[in-house]
Amino acid sequence: ALANKSFDGAEVAQGIIEACALALIDP
């Protein structure tokens, strides 16, 4: 459900997880 014309869904999901990781460690 996360896929679009430019990105595979699994790639989008991994990108979301990595983006959140920064918020978890950096105020």
PDB file of all heavy atoms in Angstrom:
ATOM      1  N   ALA A   1       0.819  -1.216   0.000  1.00  0.00           N
ATOM      2  CA  ALA A   1       0.000   0.000   0.000  1.00  0.00           C
ATOM      3  C   ALA A   1       0.849   1.260   0.000  1.00  0.00           C
ATOM      4  O   ALA A   1       0.343   2.351  -0.275  1.00  0.00           O
ATOM      5  CB  ALA A   1      -0.936   0.005   1.212  1.00  0.00           C
ATOM      6  N   LEU A   2       2.125   1.144   0.312  1.00  0.00           N
ATOM      7  CA  LEU A   2       3.010   2.306   0.404  1.00  0.00           C
ATOM      8  C   LEU A   2       3.708   2.628  -0.910  1.00  0.00           C
ATOM      9  O   LEU A   2       4.327   3.680  -1.044  1.00  0.00           O
ATOM     10  CB  LEU A   2       4.074   2.068   1.477  1.00  0.00           C
ATOM     11  CG  LEU A   2       3.567   1.888   2.908  1.00  0.00           C
ATOM     12  CD1 LEU A   2       4.715   1.426   3.801  1.00  0.00           C
ATOM     13  CD2 LEU A   2       2.965   3.184   3.430  1.00  0.00           C
ATOM     14  N   ALA A   3       3.617   1.735  -1.863  1.00  0.00           N
ATOM     15  CA  ALA A   3       4.341   1.926  -3.126  1.00  0.00           C
ATOM     16  C   ALA A   3       3.742   3.078  -3.931  1.00  0.00           C
ATOM     17  O   ALA A   3       2.555   3.388  -3.836  1.00  0.00           O
ATOM     18  CB  ALA A   3       4.289   0.641  -3.945  1.00  0.00           C
ATOM     19  N   ASN A   4       4.591   3.746  -4.698  1.00  0.00           N
ATOM     20  CA  ASN A   4       4.118   4.741  -5.665  1.00  0.00           C
ATOM     21  C   ASN A   4       4.884   4.557  -6.971  1.00  0.00           C
ATOM     22  O   ASN A   4       5.617   3.579  -7.127  1.00  0.00           O
ATOM     23  CB  ASN A   4       4.247   6.162  -5.105  1.00  0.00           C
ATOM     24  CG  ASN A   4       5.686   6.518  -4.755  1.00  0.00           C
ATOM     25  OD1 ASN A   4       6.640   6.011  -5.347  1.00  0.00           O
ATOM     26  ND2 ASN A   4       5.835   7.421  -3.790  1.00  0.00           N
ATOM     27  N   LYS A   5       4.725   5.489  -7.885  1.00  0.00           N
ATOM     28  CA  LYS A   5       5.333   5.330  -9.202  1.00  0.00           C
ATOM     29  C   LYS A   5       6.860   5.274  -9.143  1.00  0.00           C
ATOM     30  O   LYS A   5       7.505   4.676  -9.997  1.00  0.00           O
ATOM     31  CB  LYS A   5       4.897   6.479 -10.117  1.00  0.00           C
ATOM     32  CG  LYS A   5       3.414   6.466 -10.451  1.00  0.00           C
ATOM     33  CD  LYS A   5       3.045   7.647 -11.339  1.00  0.00           C
ATOM     34  CE  LYS A   5       1.551   7.646 -11.666  1.00  0.00           C
ATOM     35  NZ  LYS A   5       1.168   8.817 -12.512  1.00  0.00           N
ATOM     36  N   SER A   6       7.431   5.891  -8.132  1.00  0.00           N
ATOM     37  CA  SER A   6       8.893   6.008  -8.072  1.00  0.00           C
ATOM     38  C   SER A   6       9.558   5.109  -7.045  1.00  0.00           C
ATOM     39  O   SER A   6      10.766   4.864  -7.127  1.00  0.00           O
ATOM     40  CB  SER A   6       9.285   7.462  -7.772  1.00  0.00           C
ATOM     41  OG  SER A   6       8.734   8.339  -8.726  1.00  0.00           O
ATOM     42  N   PHE A   7       8.768   4.595  -6.087  1.00  0.00           N
ATOM     43  CA  PHE A   7       9.369   3.864  -4.982  1.00  0.00           C
ATOM     44  C   PHE A   7       8.618   2.568  -4.692  1.00  0.00           C
ATOM     45  O   PHE A   7       7.378   2.545  -4.673  1.00  0.00           O
ATOM     46  CB  PHE A   7       9.382   4.717  -3.704  1.00  0.00           C
ATOM     47  CG  PHE A   7      10.254   5.932  -3.804  1.00  0.00           C
ATOM     48  CD1 PHE A   7       9.739   7.130  -4.282  1.00  0.00           C
ATOM     49  CD2 PHE A   7      11.593   5.888  -3.424  1.00  0.00           C
ATOM     50  CE1 PHE A   7      10.533   8.264  -4.371  1.00  0.00           C
ATOM     51  CE2 PHE A   7      12.390   7.009  -3.512  1.00  0.00           C
ATOM     52  CZ  PHE A   7      11.868   8.197  -3.985  1.00  0.00           C
ATOM     53  N   ASP A   8       9.378   1.520  -4.453  1.00  0.00           N
ATOM     54  CA  ASP A   8       8.823   0.241  -4.021  1.00  0.00           C
ATOM     55  C   ASP A   8       8.327   0.374  -2.583  1.00  0.00           C
ATOM     56  O   ASP A   8       8.906   1.103  -1.768  1.00  0.00           O
ATOM     57  CB  ASP A   8       9.917  -0.829  -4.119  1.00  0.00           C
ATOM     58  CG  ASP A   8       9.463  -2.155  -3.544  1.00  0.00           C
ATOM     59  OD1 ASP A   8       8.704  -2.853  -4.217  1.00  0.00           O
ATOM     60  OD2 ASP A   8       9.864  -2.457  -2.396  1.00  0.00           O
ATOM     61  N   GLY A   9       7.246  -0.338  -2.238  1.00  0.00           N
ATOM     62  CA  GLY A   9       6.659  -0.229  -0.910  1.00  0.00           C
ATOM     63  C   GLY A   9       7.613  -0.586   0.208  1.00  0.00           C
ATOM     64  O   GLY A   9       7.643   0.082   1.254  1.00  0.00           O
ATOM     65  N   ALA A  10       8.406  -1.628   0.008  1.00  0.00           N
ATOM     66  CA  ALA A  10       9.368  -2.029   1.036  1.00  0.00           C
ATOM     67  C   ALA A  10      10.424  -0.947   1.241  1.00  0.00           C
ATOM     68  O   ALA A  10      10.879  -0.699   2.366  1.00  0.00           O
ATOM     69  CB  ALA A  10      10.026  -3.345   0.643  1.00  0.00           C
ATOM     70  N   GLU A  11      10.804  -0.270   0.162  1.00  0.00           N
ATOM     71  CA  GLU A  11      11.778   0.809   0.250  1.00  0.00           C
ATOM     72  C   GLU A  11      11.203   1.989   1.035  1.00  0.00           C
ATOM     73  O   GLU A  11      11.893   2.615   1.853  1.00  0.00           O
ATOM     74  CB  GLU A  11      12.172   1.261  -1.158  1.00  0.00           C
ATOM     75  CG  GLU A  11      13.255   2.324  -1.191  1.00  0.00           C
ATOM     76  CD  GLU A  11      13.584   2.756  -2.612  1.00  0.00           C
ATOM     77  OE1 GLU A  11      12.963   2.246  -3.564  1.00  0.00           O
ATOM     78  OE2 GLU A  11      14.463   3.630  -2.749  1.00  0.00           O
ATOM     79  N   VAL A  12       9.925   2.289   0.792  1.00  0.00           N
ATOM     80  CA  VAL A  12       9.271   3.369   1.522  1.00  0.00           C
ATOM     81  C   VAL A  12       9.204   3.033   3.011  1.00  0.00           C
ATOM     82  O   VAL A  12       9.498   3.871   3.872  1.00  0.00           O
ATOM     83  CB  VAL A  12       7.857   3.632   0.970  1.00  0.00           C
ATOM     84  CG1 VAL A  12       7.124   4.667   1.836  1.00  0.00           C
ATOM     85  CG2 VAL A  12       7.921   4.109  -0.471  1.00  0.00           C
ATOM     86  N   ALA A  13       8.810   1.797   3.332  1.00  0.00           N
ATOM     87  CA  ALA A  13       8.709   1.373   4.729  1.00  0.00           C
ATOM     88  C   ALA A  13      10.053   1.497   5.439  1.00  0.00           C
ATOM     89  O   ALA A  13      10.131   1.994   6.571  1.00  0.00           O
ATOM     90  CB  ALA A  13       8.201  -0.067   4.808  1.00  0.00           C
ATOM     91  N   GLN A  14      11.119   1.050   4.762  1.00  0.00           N
ATOM     92  CA  GLN A  14      12.444   1.148   5.367  1.00  0.00           C
ATOM     93  C   GLN A  14      12.855   2.604   5.565  1.00  0.00           C
ATOM     94  O   GLN A  14      13.461   2.973   6.573  1.00  0.00           O
ATOM     95  CB  GLN A  14      13.472   0.427   4.491  1.00  0.00           C
ATOM     96  CG  GLN A  14      14.866   0.363   5.095  1.00  0.00           C
ATOM     97  CD  GLN A  14      14.906  -0.377   6.425  1.00  0.00           C
ATOM     98  OE1 GLN A  14      14.137  -1.308   6.653  1.00  0.00           O
ATOM     99  NE2 GLN A  14      15.811   0.036   7.308  1.00  0.00           N
ATOM    100  N   GLY A  15      12.483   3.448   4.614  1.00  0.00           N
ATOM    101  CA  GLY A  15      12.785   4.869   4.738  1.00  0.00           C
ATOM    102  C   GLY A  15      12.070   5.504   5.921  1.00  0.00           C
ATOM    103  O   GLY A  15      12.636   6.362   6.620  1.00  0.00           O
ATOM    104  N   ILE A  16      10.827   5.090   6.180  1.00  0.00           N
ATOM    105  CA  ILE A  16      10.066   5.598   7.325  1.00  0.00           C
ATOM    106  C   ILE A  16      10.745   5.187   8.630  1.00  0.00           C
ATOM    107  O   ILE A  16      10.900   5.994   9.554  1.00  0.00           O
ATOM    108  CB  ILE A  16       8.613   5.099   7.269  1.00  0.00           C
ATOM    109  CG1 ILE A  16       7.860   5.810   6.136  1.00  0.00           C
ATOM    110  CG2 ILE A  16       7.902   5.290   8.601  1.00  0.00           C
ATOM    111  CD1 ILE A  16       6.458   5.281   5.879  1.00  0.00           C
ATOM    112  N   ILE A  17      11.168   3.945   8.705  1.00  0.00           N
ATOM    113  CA  ILE A  17      11.829   3.447   9.915  1.00  0.00           C
ATOM    114  C   ILE A  17      13.136   4.193  10.163  1.00  0.00           C
ATOM    115  O   ILE A  17      13.441   4.593  11.296  1.00  0.00           O
ATOM    116  CB  ILE A  17      12.091   1.928   9.782  1.00  0.00           C
ATOM    117  CG1 ILE A  17      10.760   1.171   9.802  1.00  0.00           C
ATOM    118  CG2 ILE A  17      13.016   1.435  10.898  1.00  0.00           C
ATOM    119  CD1 ILE A  17      10.871  -0.284   9.412  1.00  0.00           C
ATOM    120  N   GLU A  18      13.905   4.420   9.111  1.00  0.00           N
ATOM    121  CA  GLU A  18      15.179   5.112   9.261  1.00  0.00           C
ATOM    122  C   GLU A  18      14.982   6.585   9.615  1.00  0.00           C
ATOM    123  O   GLU A  18      15.753   7.161  10.388  1.00  0.00           O
ATOM    124  CB  GLU A  18      15.998   4.961   7.977  1.00  0.00           C
ATOM    125  CG  GLU A  18      16.473   3.522   7.756  1.00  0.00           C
ATOM    126  CD  GLU A  18      17.128   3.302   6.405  1.00  0.00           C
ATOM    127  OE1 GLU A  18      17.185   4.268   5.607  1.00  0.00           O
ATOM    128  OE2 GLU A  18      17.584   2.172   6.139  1.00  0.00           O
ATOM    129  N   ALA A  19      13.936   7.206   9.072  1.00  0.00           N
ATOM    130  CA  ALA A  19      13.646   8.602   9.407  1.00  0.00           C
ATOM    131  C   ALA A  19      13.241   8.729  10.878  1.00  0.00           C
ATOM    132  O   ALA A  19      13.650   9.674  11.571  1.00  0.00           O
ATOM    133  CB  ALA A  19      12.539   9.141   8.511  1.00  0.00           C
ATOM    134  N   CYS A  20      12.458   7.768  11.369  1.00  0.00           N
ATOM    135  CA  CYS A  20      12.042   7.793  12.775  1.00  0.00           C
ATOM    136  C   CYS A  20      13.229   7.537  13.697  1.00  0.00           C
ATOM    137  O   CYS A  20      13.274   8.073  14.813  1.00  0.00           O
ATOM    138  CB  CYS A  20      10.949   6.756  13.019  1.00  0.00           C
ATOM    139  SG  CYS A  20      10.271   6.792  14.692  1.00  0.00           S
ATOM    140  N   ALA A  21      14.178   6.749  13.238  1.00  0.00           N
ATOM    141  CA  ALA A  21      15.340   6.415  14.075  1.00  0.00           C
ATOM    142  C   ALA A  21      16.091   7.667  14.516  1.00  0.00           C
ATOM    143  O   ALA A  21      16.579   7.748  15.646  1.00  0.00           O
ATOM    144  CB  ALA A  21      16.273   5.474  13.321  1.00  0.00           C
ATOM    145  N   LEU A  22      16.167   8.663  13.633  1.00  0.00           N
ATOM    146  CA  LEU A  22      16.853   9.896  13.998  1.00  0.00           C
ATOM    147  C   LEU A  22      16.099  10.633  15.104  1.00  0.00           C
ATOM    148  O   LEU A  22      16.701  11.176  16.033  1.00  0.00           O
ATOM    149  CB  LEU A  22      17.025  10.797  12.767  1.00  0.00           C
ATOM    150  CG  LEU A  22      17.728  12.137  13.014  1.00  0.00           C
ATOM    151  CD1 LEU A  22      19.122  11.931  13.597  1.00  0.00           C
ATOM    152  CD2 LEU A  22      17.800  12.946  11.713  1.00  0.00           C
ATOM    153  N   ALA A  23      14.761  10.622  15.019  1.00  0.00           N
ATOM    154  CA  ALA A  23      13.951  11.291  16.049  1.00  0.00           C
ATOM    155  C   ALA A  23      14.070  10.590  17.392  1.00  0.00           C
ATOM    156  O   ALA A  23      13.933  11.221  18.444  1.00  0.00           O
ATOM    157  CB  ALA A  23      12.494  11.345  15.607  1.00  0.00           C
ATOM    158  N   LEU A  24      14.322   9.304  17.378  1.00  0.00           N
ATOM    159  CA  LEU A  24      14.451   8.547  18.624  1.00  0.00           C
ATOM    160  C   LEU A  24      15.730   8.904  19.380  1.00  0.00           C
ATOM    161  O   LEU A  24      15.768   8.815  20.616  1.00  0.00           O
ATOM    162  CB  LEU A  24      14.421   7.042  18.335  1.00  0.00           C
ATOM    163  CG  LEU A  24      13.064   6.472  17.916  1.00  0.00           C
ATOM    164  CD1 LEU A  24      13.227   5.066  17.350  1.00  0.00           C
ATOM    165  CD2 LEU A  24      12.091   6.452  19.095  1.00  0.00           C
ATOM    166  N   ILE A  25      16.766   9.334  18.662  1.00  0.00           N
ATOM    167  CA  ILE A  25      18.056   9.563  19.319  1.00  0.00           C
ATOM    168  C   ILE A  25      18.485  11.026  19.360  1.00  0.00           C
ATOM    169  O   ILE A  25      19.376  11.381  20.123  1.00  0.00           O
ATOM    170  CB  ILE A  25      19.177   8.740  18.643  1.00  0.00           C
ATOM    171  CG1 ILE A  25      19.374   9.176  17.193  1.00  0.00           C
ATOM    172  CG2 ILE A  25      18.877   7.251  18.728  1.00  0.00           C
ATOM    173  CD1 ILE A  25      20.575   8.543  16.515  1.00  0.00           C
ATOM    174  N   ASP A  26      17.838  11.883  18.550  1.00  0.00           N
ATOM    175  CA  ASP A  26      18.302  13.268  18.427  1.00  0.00           C
ATOM    176  C   ASP A  26      17.172  14.241  18.751  1.00  0.00           C
ATOM    177  O   ASP A  26      16.171  14.301  18.029  1.00  0.00           O
ATOM    178  CB  ASP A  26      18.791  13.506  16.999  1.00  0.00           C
ATOM    179  CG  ASP A  26      19.216  14.946  16.748  1.00  0.00           C
ATOM    180  OD1 ASP A  26      19.558  15.645  17.722  1.00  0.00           O
ATOM    181  OD2 ASP A  26      19.182  15.375  15.580  1.00  0.00           O
ATOM    182  N   PRO A  27      17.273  15.045  19.819  1.00  0.00           N
ATOM    183  CA  PRO A  27      16.198  15.961  20.189  1.00  0.00           C
ATOM    184  C   PRO A  27      15.921  17.035  19.146  1.00  0.00           C
ATOM    185  O   PRO A  27      14.799  17.521  19.044  1.00  0.00           O
ATOM    186  CB  PRO A  27      16.681  16.580  21.507  1.00  0.00           C
ATOM    187  CG  PRO A  27      18.153  16.365  21.532  1.00  0.00           C
ATOM    188  CD  PRO A  27      18.395  15.094  20.795  1.00  0.00           C
TER     189      PRO A  27
END
